[in-house]
Amino acid sequence: MTAFFNRSGIFLFPAISSIAFYLTILYEIPVAGFLFLIPLIYTLSENSASLRRLLTANTVYTGLLYLIILGWAPGVMEAYTGGNTALTYLCYAAFVLIALVISNLLIWLYYLAVKGARRTGSFSLPLLAFTLFLQEAAMSTLLPGMPWLTLHLAYSVIHQDYVLQWASIGGVYFISFCIANFNVLLFIIFRYVHKRLVTVPLYLVFLVAGLLFGYYRLEKGNDPGTGDHGLKIAVITENVPATTRWDAASVNSLVDTYFSLCRQALATQPDLVVWTESAVPWTYSGEDDFLDSLIRISRPYKVSHIIGMNTAAGPESVYNSAYFIRDGKVAGRQDKIYLLSFAEKPLFSFSLPFLQTEGFSAENGEDIHLFSLQDHRIGALICNESNVSGAALDMADAGADLLINISNDSWFSNSGLLINMHFKNARLRAVESGRPVIVNSNQGYCGYISGKGQVQDSHRHTSAHLATYSVHKKIYNTFYLDNKKLLILLLTLHPVTLYLLTRKKRPNS
């Protein structure tokens, strides 16, 4: 049996962890988030003396995981590139290769650190947990424009409301750090329970303390109210397929749908109407007949709008923008800051030839512009910015008390995993910042999330849809929002301290 583990386990166990991680995210399997890394940890810890075996095991785990996770990519990219199959699979392979290079580089550094430690047993497993966490942190930090390569360990427990509250302490990274360490502690219990009985109560103390914190914050720590009457928001989701063109054959039908939705929304007497990203798929103009008609319909109701459309940035470049229309005129604009690499902006001078933006590239916005309505200040997150923790925190720091994420998931409507990722990420952003979040995604999941990540409403439709919510201000900051720099320092000191305590002493000369 031992010989089988040594020969075949190096391929089998990492593959089990990859598949288990994917299934846990896809089907929200209870408790699995605390277990799925154990087969991988067994393989890496048992073979820490051999760099080749470490890299082999990690390559199996990372390679298989991203091959599965990115399974949506060939079909979507082929549609975007007009059927260029060779380019599609070249990009698919390149994405997996990028993930392998970054993750294996960190495994190599882990190997060097372990070889330099004098007490390997007490050092290698905690450092392995940190390395697994660091793999995702490196992906999201180095490649913020490629969210499909950011795979948080926290996604495995995002459906567990008490665990989700840990994000208020240290964001999504703190949850991932805890998940990696809980998997290591469980591995120690299973593998060395006859030697290290102290690990069992240590594990239980940490887990119970974490769950009690989540319970108190969610169930006992009431959201402070402000006495305001709330902001009534109508969310209009046009649910237009990705391949739809605003041409002579379809424009009348599309315009009728938009105006009909607008009139339905106005009948609910909202303060604000929220449309999706690129709801108007052309560049803004002050003489736009469509916008002028929309404003004219709304003017008697004194209703404001947030609507997604492009802004001219240059002869062949645009900003992906969210426009704020109040009192019949443009009162603000937020340009997307974190652009999609290969899609909205080139990476290393290469980009995919998108069907609907052919000949154009996007420019990233640089400043945060909040939208003021009554006594609320609203921050707009555009598309994949829901995946960037810093985007929501920066808006909360700037004074936003409500976040709105507008996006377009029409190209991913056939992916069971990706179609709800905007919504899942929005839950994390809500808990991290303490701000409620409204999500409006064309052909994706839409709804309303409280500042504690509680889903007040979640729905997905394939036809035009309207939903209304009453949102109240929040008046407190989370620990993470106020102390994010401190947390980064503590996470950095963790492996450094371990190494200094266990590094080998050089012999006296």
Protein backbone atom coordinates (compact mmCIF):
# COMPACT_ATOMS: atom_id res chain seq x y z
CA MET A 1 0.00 0.00 0.00
CA THR A 2 2.83 2.40 0.85
CA ALA A 3 4.49 1.67 -2.49
CA PHE A 4 1.20 2.46 -4.27
CA PHE A 5 0.94 5.78 -2.45
CA ASN A 6 4.49 6.70 -3.38
CA ARG A 7 4.16 5.76 -7.05
CA SER A 8 0.55 6.46 -8.00
CA GLY A 9 -0.47 8.77 -5.18
CA ILE A 10 1.60 11.59 -6.59
CA PHE A 11 -0.88 11.74 -9.49
CA LEU A 12 -4.06 10.39 -7.88
CA PHE A 13 -4.29 12.45 -4.69
CA PRO A 14 -3.67 15.88 -6.25
CA ALA A 15 -6.28 14.99 -8.90
CA ILE A 16 -8.76 14.12 -6.13
CA SER A 17 -8.19 17.53 -4.52
CA SER A 18 -8.69 19.31 -7.87
CA ILE A 19 -11.96 17.56 -8.64
CA ALA A 20 -13.20 17.93 -5.05
CA PHE A 21 -12.47 21.69 -5.13
CA TYR A 22 -14.38 22.14 -8.37
CA LEU A 23 -17.39 20.11 -7.21
CA THR A 24 -17.45 21.93 -3.87
CA ILE A 25 -17.67 25.31 -5.61
CA LEU A 26 -20.16 24.16 -8.23
CA TYR A 27 -22.57 22.30 -5.94
CA GLU A 28 -21.87 24.13 -2.65
CA ILE A 29 -21.16 20.89 -0.77
CA PRO A 30 -21.37 21.46 3.01
CA VAL A 31 -18.16 21.02 5.07
CA ALA A 32 -16.14 19.99 1.99
CA GLY A 33 -14.19 23.24 2.12
CA PHE A 34 -12.44 21.99 5.26
CA LEU A 35 -11.43 18.68 3.63
CA PHE A 36 -10.73 18.96 -0.10
CA LEU A 37 -7.04 19.92 0.22
CA ILE A 38 -6.09 16.97 2.45
CA PRO A 39 -5.14 14.56 -0.40
CA LEU A 40 -2.90 17.24 -1.93
CA ILE A 41 -1.36 18.09 1.44
CA TYR A 42 -0.61 14.40 2.03
CA THR A 43 1.22 14.15 -1.28
CA LEU A 44 3.22 17.36 -0.87
CA SER A 45 4.17 16.73 2.76
CA GLU A 46 5.22 13.12 2.18
CA ASN A 47 7.48 14.07 -0.70
CA SER A 48 8.95 17.33 0.55
CA ALA A 49 12.51 16.02 0.14
CA SER A 50 12.16 15.77 -3.63
CA LEU A 51 11.66 18.92 -5.68
CA ARG A 52 10.73 16.90 -8.73
CA ARG A 53 7.95 15.08 -6.90
CA LEU A 54 6.68 18.31 -5.35
CA LEU A 55 6.47 20.00 -8.73
CA THR A 56 4.85 16.93 -10.29
CA ALA A 57 2.12 16.78 -7.65
CA ASN A 58 1.46 20.51 -7.84
CA THR A 59 1.37 20.40 -11.65
CA VAL A 60 -1.27 17.67 -11.54
CA TYR A 61 -3.36 19.60 -9.03
CA THR A 62 -3.09 23.04 -10.64
CA GLY A 63 -3.15 21.85 -14.24
CA LEU A 64 -6.22 19.65 -13.84
CA LEU A 65 -8.03 22.27 -11.75
CA TYR A 66 -7.60 25.01 -14.34
CA LEU A 67 -8.34 22.71 -17.24
CA ILE A 68 -11.70 22.03 -15.57
CA ILE A 69 -12.39 25.54 -14.28
CA LEU A 70 -11.53 27.11 -17.65
CA GLY A 71 -13.64 24.60 -19.55
CA TRP A 72 -15.95 27.46 -20.57
CA ALA A 73 -13.12 29.31 -22.33
CA PRO A 74 -12.93 27.53 -25.73
CA GLY A 75 -16.61 27.99 -26.56
CA VAL A 76 -16.78 31.60 -25.38
CA MET A 77 -13.53 32.68 -27.02
CA GLU A 78 -14.43 30.94 -30.27
CA ALA A 79 -17.64 32.96 -30.38
CA TYR A 80 -15.75 36.16 -29.62
CA THR A 81 -13.09 35.52 -32.26
CA GLY A 82 -15.54 34.59 -34.96
CA GLY A 83 -14.73 30.88 -34.99
CA ASN A 84 -10.92 31.02 -34.80
CA THR A 85 -10.44 27.57 -33.24
CA ALA A 86 -6.62 27.62 -33.28
CA LEU A 87 -6.46 30.96 -31.45
CA THR A 88 -9.10 29.77 -29.01
CA TYR A 89 -7.18 26.70 -27.86
CA LEU A 90 -3.89 28.58 -27.87
CA CYS A 91 -5.37 31.04 -25.35
CA TYR A 92 -6.85 28.18 -23.33
CA ALA A 93 -3.44 26.51 -23.09
CA ALA A 94 -1.76 29.84 -22.29
CA PHE A 95 -4.10 30.50 -19.36
CA VAL A 96 -3.40 27.08 -17.85
CA LEU A 97 0.34 27.57 -18.41
CA ILE A 98 0.30 30.93 -16.61
CA ALA A 99 -1.36 29.31 -13.60
CA LEU A 100 1.20 26.48 -13.62
CA VAL A 101 4.19 28.82 -13.80
CA ILE A 102 3.06 31.00 -10.88
CA SER A 103 1.98 28.11 -8.64
CA ASN A 104 5.08 26.01 -9.31
CA LEU A 105 7.36 28.97 -8.65
CA LEU A 106 5.83 29.27 -5.19
CA ILE A 107 6.18 25.51 -4.60
CA TRP A 108 9.87 25.83 -5.51
CA LEU A 109 10.26 28.64 -2.95
CA TYR A 110 8.48 26.45 -0.40
CA TYR A 111 10.96 23.66 -1.12
CA LEU A 112 13.93 26.00 -0.58
CA ALA A 113 12.49 27.25 2.71
CA VAL A 114 11.86 23.73 4.00
CA LYS A 115 15.37 22.62 3.06
CA GLY A 116 16.70 25.58 5.03
CA ALA A 117 14.82 24.70 8.21
CA ARG A 118 16.36 22.71 11.06
CA ARG A 119 13.01 21.49 12.46
CA THR A 120 11.24 20.43 9.29
CA GLY A 121 8.28 18.73 10.94
CA SER A 122 7.17 21.80 12.89
CA PHE A 123 7.75 24.13 9.95
CA SER A 124 6.85 22.45 6.67
CA LEU A 125 3.10 21.95 7.21
CA PRO A 126 2.26 25.51 8.40
CA LEU A 127 4.40 26.86 5.57
CA LEU A 128 2.66 24.55 3.09
CA ALA A 129 -0.70 26.00 4.17
CA PHE A 130 0.67 29.49 3.62
CA THR A 131 2.05 28.50 0.20
CA LEU A 132 -1.34 27.18 -0.94
CA PHE A 133 -2.92 30.43 0.19
CA LEU A 134 -0.16 32.47 -1.44
CA GLN A 135 -0.81 30.83 -4.82
CA GLU A 136 -4.23 32.48 -5.06
CA ALA A 137 -3.00 35.78 -3.58
CA ALA A 138 -0.27 35.93 -6.24
CA MET A 139 -2.76 35.23 -9.05
CA SER A 140 -5.15 37.98 -7.98
CA THR A 141 -2.38 40.50 -7.26
CA LEU A 142 -0.31 39.92 -10.41
CA LEU A 143 -3.26 39.42 -12.76
CA PRO A 144 -6.19 41.60 -11.58
CA GLY A 145 -7.40 41.86 -15.18
CA MET A 146 -7.74 38.08 -15.52
CA PRO A 147 -10.32 37.13 -12.87
CA TRP A 148 -10.78 33.68 -14.41
CA LEU A 149 -7.31 32.81 -13.02
CA THR A 150 -8.20 33.97 -9.50
CA LEU A 151 -9.57 30.93 -7.74
CA HIS A 152 -10.06 31.68 -4.06
CA LEU A 153 -10.03 28.82 -1.57
CA ALA A 154 -12.77 30.85 0.11
CA TYR A 155 -15.15 29.95 -2.72
CA SER A 156 -15.43 26.48 -1.17
CA VAL A 157 -17.22 27.92 1.91
CA ILE A 158 -18.89 31.02 0.46
CA HIS A 159 -22.31 29.38 0.93
CA GLN A 160 -21.74 28.96 4.68
CA ASP A 161 -23.04 32.20 6.16
CA TYR A 162 -21.19 32.01 9.49
CA VAL A 163 -17.84 31.34 7.80
CA LEU A 164 -18.54 34.12 5.29
CA GLN A 165 -18.48 36.63 8.18
CA TRP A 166 -14.74 36.05 8.54
CA ALA A 167 -14.33 38.33 5.52
CA SER A 168 -15.21 41.27 7.80
CA ILE A 169 -11.93 40.57 9.65
CA GLY A 170 -9.59 40.12 6.71
CA GLY A 171 -11.50 39.85 3.49
CA VAL A 172 -11.57 36.92 1.11
CA TYR A 173 -7.84 36.38 1.69
CA PHE A 174 -8.34 35.80 5.41
CA ILE A 175 -10.99 33.15 4.70
CA SER A 176 -8.67 31.43 2.22
CA PHE A 177 -5.80 31.59 4.74
CA CYS A 178 -8.02 29.95 7.36
CA ILE A 179 -9.28 27.27 4.95
CA ALA A 180 -5.71 26.29 4.01
CA ASN A 181 -4.73 26.06 7.69
CA PHE A 182 -7.85 24.16 8.73
CA ASN A 183 -7.13 21.58 6.00
CA VAL A 184 -3.56 21.24 7.30
CA LEU A 185 -4.72 20.87 10.89
CA LEU A 186 -7.20 18.17 9.89
CA PHE A 187 -4.44 16.39 7.97
CA ILE A 188 -2.25 16.47 11.08
CA ILE A 189 -5.10 15.00 13.12
CA PHE A 190 -5.71 12.16 10.64
CA ARG A 191 -2.03 11.44 10.03
CA TYR A 192 -0.44 11.95 13.44
CA VAL A 193 -3.32 11.71 15.92
CA HIS A 194 -1.41 9.13 18.01
CA LYS A 195 1.52 11.55 18.35
CA ARG A 196 -0.02 15.00 18.41
CA LEU A 197 -3.22 14.87 20.41
CA VAL A 198 -2.87 18.58 21.18
CA THR A 199 -3.83 19.30 17.55
CA VAL A 200 -7.41 18.07 18.09
CA PRO A 201 -8.42 20.62 20.76
CA LEU A 202 -6.45 23.31 18.88
CA TYR A 203 -8.46 22.64 15.74
CA LEU A 204 -11.76 22.59 17.63
CA VAL A 205 -10.97 25.81 19.51
CA PHE A 206 -10.18 27.69 16.30
CA LEU A 207 -13.20 26.31 14.45
CA VAL A 208 -15.70 26.90 17.28
CA ALA A 209 -14.34 30.40 17.89
CA GLY A 210 -14.70 31.21 14.20
CA LEU A 211 -18.25 29.88 14.02
CA LEU A 212 -19.26 31.73 17.21
CA PHE A 213 -17.91 34.95 15.76
CA GLY A 214 -19.88 34.34 12.56
CA TYR A 215 -23.01 33.55 14.53
CA TYR A 216 -22.72 36.66 16.70
CA ARG A 217 -22.06 38.98 13.77
CA LEU A 218 -24.86 37.53 11.68
CA GLU A 219 -27.54 36.82 14.28
CA LYS A 220 -26.78 39.05 17.27
CA GLY A 221 -24.90 42.04 15.96
CA ASN A 222 -27.78 44.09 14.61
CA ASP A 223 -27.21 46.44 11.70
CA PRO A 224 -27.42 49.97 13.11
CA GLY A 225 -30.18 51.94 11.50
CA THR A 226 -30.17 55.61 10.61
CA GLY A 227 -33.87 56.35 10.64
CA ASP A 228 -33.86 57.12 6.92
CA HIS A 229 -36.83 56.08 4.82
CA GLY A 230 -34.56 54.12 2.52
CA LEU A 231 -33.81 54.40 -1.16
CA LYS A 232 -36.27 52.66 -3.45
CA ILE A 233 -34.37 51.10 -6.34
CA ALA A 234 -35.80 49.53 -9.48
CA VAL A 235 -33.45 47.05 -11.17
CA ILE A 236 -34.06 46.65 -14.91
CA THR A 237 -32.45 43.62 -16.53
CA GLU A 238 -33.01 43.56 -20.28
CA ASN A 239 -31.47 40.05 -20.67
CA VAL A 240 -30.34 40.57 -24.24
CA PRO A 241 -28.35 37.63 -25.73
CA ALA A 242 -24.66 38.22 -26.40
CA THR A 243 -25.06 37.88 -30.15
CA THR A 244 -27.82 40.49 -30.43
CA ARG A 245 -26.95 43.46 -32.63
CA TRP A 246 -28.60 46.86 -32.61
CA ASP A 247 -29.11 46.84 -36.37
CA ALA A 248 -32.02 47.85 -38.61
CA ALA A 249 -33.66 44.44 -38.20
CA SER A 250 -33.80 44.47 -34.39
CA VAL A 251 -33.52 48.06 -33.17
CA ASN A 252 -37.28 48.77 -33.02
CA SER A 253 -37.98 45.64 -31.00
CA LEU A 254 -35.12 46.37 -28.60
CA VAL A 255 -36.15 49.99 -28.09
CA ASP A 256 -39.75 48.94 -27.41
CA THR A 257 -38.50 46.46 -24.77
CA TYR A 258 -36.36 49.10 -23.06
CA PHE A 259 -39.12 51.69 -22.95
CA SER A 260 -41.66 49.14 -21.75
CA LEU A 261 -39.33 48.12 -18.90
CA CYS A 262 -38.74 51.75 -18.04
CA ARG A 263 -42.48 52.47 -17.82
CA GLN A 264 -43.00 49.39 -15.63
CA ALA A 265 -40.21 50.59 -13.33
CA LEU A 266 -41.64 54.12 -13.12
CA ALA A 267 -45.00 52.69 -12.08
CA THR A 268 -43.35 51.44 -8.87
CA GLN A 269 -42.33 55.06 -8.02
CA PRO A 270 -38.62 54.39 -7.45
CA ASP A 271 -35.94 56.91 -6.53
CA LEU A 272 -33.39 55.23 -8.79
CA VAL A 273 -33.48 52.94 -11.82
CA VAL A 274 -30.42 50.71 -12.34
CA TRP A 275 -29.64 49.27 -15.77
CA THR A 276 -26.92 46.74 -16.68
CA GLU A 277 -23.37 47.17 -17.97
CA SER A 278 -23.36 48.30 -21.61
CA ALA A 279 -27.15 48.45 -21.58
CA VAL A 280 -26.71 51.01 -24.35
CA PRO A 281 -24.05 49.39 -26.59
CA TRP A 282 -22.62 52.54 -28.14
CA THR A 283 -20.64 55.62 -27.16
CA TYR A 284 -22.33 58.37 -25.14
CA SER A 285 -23.37 61.55 -26.91
CA GLY A 286 -25.17 64.56 -25.50
CA GLU A 287 -27.46 64.41 -28.53
CA ASP A 288 -28.39 60.73 -28.19
CA ASP A 289 -32.05 60.32 -29.24
CA PHE A 290 -32.48 57.12 -27.25
CA LEU A 291 -31.20 58.61 -23.99
CA ASP A 292 -33.18 61.77 -24.60
CA SER A 293 -36.38 59.74 -24.95
CA LEU A 294 -35.55 57.76 -21.82
CA ILE A 295 -35.01 60.93 -19.83
CA ARG A 296 -38.20 62.49 -21.20
CA ILE A 297 -40.24 59.48 -20.08
CA SER A 298 -38.72 59.66 -16.58
CA ARG A 299 -38.73 63.44 -16.02
CA PRO A 300 -42.30 63.71 -14.62
CA TYR A 301 -41.44 61.10 -11.98
CA LYS A 302 -38.20 62.82 -10.86
CA VAL A 303 -36.38 59.50 -11.15
CA SER A 304 -32.60 59.08 -11.45
CA HIS A 305 -30.84 56.44 -13.55
CA ILE A 306 -27.57 54.49 -13.49
CA ILE A 307 -26.97 53.09 -16.95
CA GLY A 308 -23.97 51.41 -18.56
CA MET A 309 -22.54 52.67 -21.85
CA ASN A 310 -19.17 53.60 -23.37
CA THR A 311 -17.44 56.98 -23.30
CA ALA A 312 -15.12 58.20 -26.03
CA ALA A 313 -11.51 58.30 -24.77
CA GLY A 314 -9.70 58.72 -28.09
CA PRO A 315 -10.01 58.03 -31.81
CA GLU A 316 -10.04 54.25 -31.25
CA SER A 317 -10.46 53.87 -27.50
CA VAL A 318 -13.32 54.10 -25.02
CA TYR A 319 -14.06 54.02 -21.32
CA ASN A 320 -16.46 51.38 -20.04
CA SER A 321 -18.67 53.66 -17.96
CA ALA A 322 -21.62 53.84 -15.62
CA TYR A 323 -23.59 57.08 -16.18
CA PHE A 324 -25.60 58.72 -13.41
CA ILE A 325 -28.56 60.71 -14.74
CA ARG A 326 -30.39 62.98 -12.30
CA ASP A 327 -32.86 65.81 -12.94
CA GLY A 328 -32.81 65.05 -16.65
CA LYS A 329 -29.05 65.44 -17.16
CA VAL A 330 -25.78 63.60 -16.61
CA ALA A 331 -24.77 64.23 -12.98
CA GLY A 332 -21.83 61.83 -12.75
CA ARG A 333 -19.83 59.10 -14.45
CA GLN A 334 -17.74 56.23 -13.13
CA ASP A 335 -15.24 54.70 -15.54
CA LYS A 336 -14.18 51.11 -15.08
CA ILE A 337 -10.79 51.00 -13.35
CA TYR A 338 -9.93 47.28 -13.50
CA LEU A 339 -10.15 46.22 -17.14
CA LEU A 340 -10.24 42.68 -18.52
CA SER A 341 -6.91 41.70 -20.05
CA PHE A 342 -7.03 40.37 -23.63
CA ALA A 343 -10.62 41.62 -23.92
CA GLU A 344 -10.89 45.28 -22.96
CA LYS A 345 -7.18 46.00 -23.07
CA PRO A 346 -4.21 44.22 -24.65
CA LEU A 347 -1.75 42.23 -22.55
CA PHE A 348 1.79 42.21 -23.95
CA SER A 349 0.37 43.87 -27.10
CA PHE A 350 -2.07 40.99 -27.66
CA SER A 351 -5.84 41.03 -27.41
CA LEU A 352 -8.72 38.91 -28.59
CA PRO A 353 -10.67 40.42 -31.52
CA PHE A 354 -14.01 40.88 -29.78
CA LEU A 355 -17.00 40.94 -32.08
CA GLN A 356 -18.74 43.93 -30.52
CA THR A 357 -15.68 46.14 -29.92
CA GLU A 358 -13.71 45.43 -33.08
CA GLY A 359 -11.20 48.19 -33.78
CA PHE A 360 -11.49 49.62 -30.26
CA SER A 361 -9.68 49.13 -26.99
CA ALA A 362 -10.68 50.39 -23.57
CA GLU A 363 -8.89 52.82 -21.31
CA ASN A 364 -8.98 52.32 -17.57
CA GLY A 365 -10.47 54.95 -15.31
CA GLU A 366 -8.29 56.39 -12.58
CA ASP A 367 -10.60 58.13 -10.10
CA ILE A 368 -13.60 57.21 -7.99
CA HIS A 369 -16.74 59.28 -8.54
CA LEU A 370 -19.59 58.55 -6.18
CA PHE A 371 -23.20 59.27 -7.14
CA SER A 372 -25.17 61.32 -4.61
CA LEU A 373 -28.90 60.77 -4.34
CA GLN A 374 -30.89 62.13 -1.41
CA ASP A 375 -28.60 61.35 1.56
CA HIS A 376 -27.04 58.26 -0.06
CA ARG A 377 -23.64 58.03 -1.73
CA ILE A 378 -23.45 55.24 -4.32
CA GLY A 379 -20.37 53.51 -5.71
CA ALA A 380 -20.59 51.71 -9.06
CA LEU A 381 -18.58 48.51 -9.64
CA ILE A 382 -18.52 47.55 -13.30
CA CYS A 383 -18.45 43.87 -14.33
CA ASN A 384 -15.33 42.02 -13.07
CA GLU A 385 -14.64 44.75 -10.49
CA SER A 386 -16.86 42.66 -8.21
CA ASN A 387 -13.95 40.20 -8.22
CA VAL A 388 -11.46 42.82 -6.97
CA SER A 389 -11.54 43.28 -3.21
CA GLY A 390 -9.75 46.62 -3.39
CA ALA A 391 -12.32 48.10 -5.78
CA ALA A 392 -15.14 47.89 -3.24
CA LEU A 393 -12.93 48.90 -0.31
CA ASP A 394 -11.68 51.99 -2.15
CA MET A 395 -15.24 53.08 -2.81
CA ALA A 396 -16.21 52.51 0.81
CA ASP A 397 -13.14 54.49 1.90
CA ALA A 398 -14.24 57.29 -0.43
CA GLY A 399 -17.56 57.46 1.41
CA ALA A 400 -19.90 55.10 -0.45
CA ASP A 401 -22.66 53.67 1.74
CA LEU A 402 -24.18 51.57 -1.08
CA LEU A 403 -22.47 49.60 -3.85
CA ILE A 404 -24.03 48.70 -7.18
CA ASN A 405 -22.47 46.11 -9.49
CA ILE A 406 -23.61 46.25 -13.12
CA SER A 407 -22.36 43.52 -15.42
CA ASN A 408 -23.08 41.39 -18.47
CA ASP A 409 -22.90 37.59 -18.15
CA SER A 410 -24.53 36.79 -21.48
CA TRP A 411 -21.39 35.16 -22.89
CA PHE A 412 -21.22 32.81 -19.88
CA SER A 413 -24.89 31.86 -19.75
CA ASN A 414 -24.07 28.20 -20.45
CA SER A 415 -21.46 27.89 -17.69
CA GLY A 416 -22.93 26.64 -14.44
CA LEU A 417 -19.85 27.86 -12.57
CA LEU A 418 -19.27 31.32 -14.04
CA ILE A 419 -22.86 32.43 -14.42
CA ASN A 420 -23.22 33.18 -10.70
CA MET A 421 -19.64 34.26 -9.88
CA HIS A 422 -20.48 37.98 -10.04
CA PHE A 423 -23.14 37.42 -7.42
CA LYS A 424 -20.91 35.28 -5.19
CA ASN A 425 -18.12 37.83 -5.38
CA ALA A 426 -20.60 40.58 -4.56
CA ARG A 427 -21.43 38.76 -1.32
CA LEU A 428 -17.75 38.84 -0.37
CA ARG A 429 -17.50 42.54 -1.22
CA ALA A 430 -20.57 43.24 0.95
CA VAL A 431 -19.10 41.50 4.01
CA GLU A 432 -15.62 42.96 3.50
CA SER A 433 -16.87 46.54 3.31
CA GLY A 434 -20.04 46.31 5.40
CA ARG A 435 -21.96 47.91 2.52
CA PRO A 436 -25.15 46.52 0.95
CA VAL A 437 -24.73 45.59 -2.71
CA ILE A 438 -27.23 45.64 -5.57
CA VAL A 439 -26.28 43.31 -8.45
CA ASN A 440 -27.70 43.73 -11.97
CA SER A 441 -26.25 41.36 -14.55
CA ASN A 442 -27.57 40.89 -18.08
CA GLN A 443 -28.56 37.19 -18.31
CA GLY A 444 -26.82 36.55 -14.98
CA TYR A 445 -27.85 36.45 -11.33
CA CYS A 446 -29.30 39.68 -9.96
CA GLY A 447 -30.44 40.69 -6.51
CA TYR A 448 -29.86 42.50 -3.26
CA ILE A 449 -27.24 41.60 -0.61
CA SER A 450 -27.08 43.10 2.87
CA GLY A 451 -23.89 44.48 4.42
CA LYS A 452 -23.46 41.12 6.17
CA GLY A 453 -23.62 39.14 2.95
CA GLN A 454 -27.18 37.93 3.53
CA VAL A 455 -29.01 37.41 0.26
CA GLN A 456 -32.23 39.41 0.44
CA ASP A 457 -33.13 38.45 -3.11
CA SER A 458 -31.48 36.44 -5.88
CA HIS A 459 -32.95 35.67 -9.28
CA ARG A 460 -31.96 34.86 -12.84
CA HIS A 461 -34.19 35.24 -15.91
CA THR A 462 -33.59 34.81 -19.61
CA SER A 463 -36.24 37.37 -20.59
CA ALA A 464 -36.62 41.03 -19.63
CA HIS A 465 -37.19 41.43 -15.89
CA LEU A 466 -37.87 44.09 -13.26
CA ALA A 467 -37.22 43.93 -9.51
CA THR A 468 -37.53 46.61 -6.79
CA TYR A 469 -35.74 46.98 -3.44
CA SER A 470 -35.74 49.40 -0.51
CA VAL A 471 -32.16 49.93 0.66
CA HIS A 472 -31.17 51.65 3.89
CA LYS A 473 -27.85 53.28 4.61
CA LYS A 474 -25.16 51.60 6.66
CA ILE A 475 -23.11 53.63 9.13
CA TYR A 476 -20.28 51.36 10.34
CA ASN A 477 -17.00 50.10 8.94
CA THR A 478 -15.67 46.56 9.18
CA PHE A 479 -12.37 45.72 10.84
CA TYR A 480 -10.97 44.81 7.43
CA LEU A 481 -11.92 48.13 5.90
CA ASP A 482 -10.17 50.06 8.67
CA ASN A 483 -7.15 47.76 9.09
CA LYS A 484 -6.41 46.13 5.73
CA LYS A 485 -2.76 47.24 5.75
CA LEU A 486 -2.28 45.73 9.21
CA LEU A 487 -3.67 42.41 8.02
CA ILE A 488 -1.29 42.31 5.05
CA LEU A 489 1.61 42.90 7.46
CA LEU A 490 0.49 40.09 9.80
CA LEU A 491 0.07 37.60 6.93
CA THR A 492 3.55 38.51 5.70
CA LEU A 493 5.11 38.07 9.14
CA HIS A 494 3.56 34.61 9.56
CA PRO A 495 5.92 32.62 7.28
CA VAL A 496 8.90 34.86 8.07
CA THR A 497 8.51 34.18 11.78
CA LEU A 498 8.20 30.44 11.20
CA TYR A 499 11.34 30.42 9.10
CA LEU A 500 13.40 32.43 11.59
CA LEU A 501 12.38 30.10 14.40
CA THR A 502 13.30 26.96 12.50
CA ARG A 503 16.11 27.89 10.09
CA LYS A 504 19.34 25.93 10.25
CA LYS A 505 22.24 27.49 12.08
CA ARG A 506 25.46 27.84 10.20
CA PRO A 507 28.45 26.12 11.84
CA ASN A 508 30.96 28.41 13.51
CA SER A 509 33.98 29.10 11.35
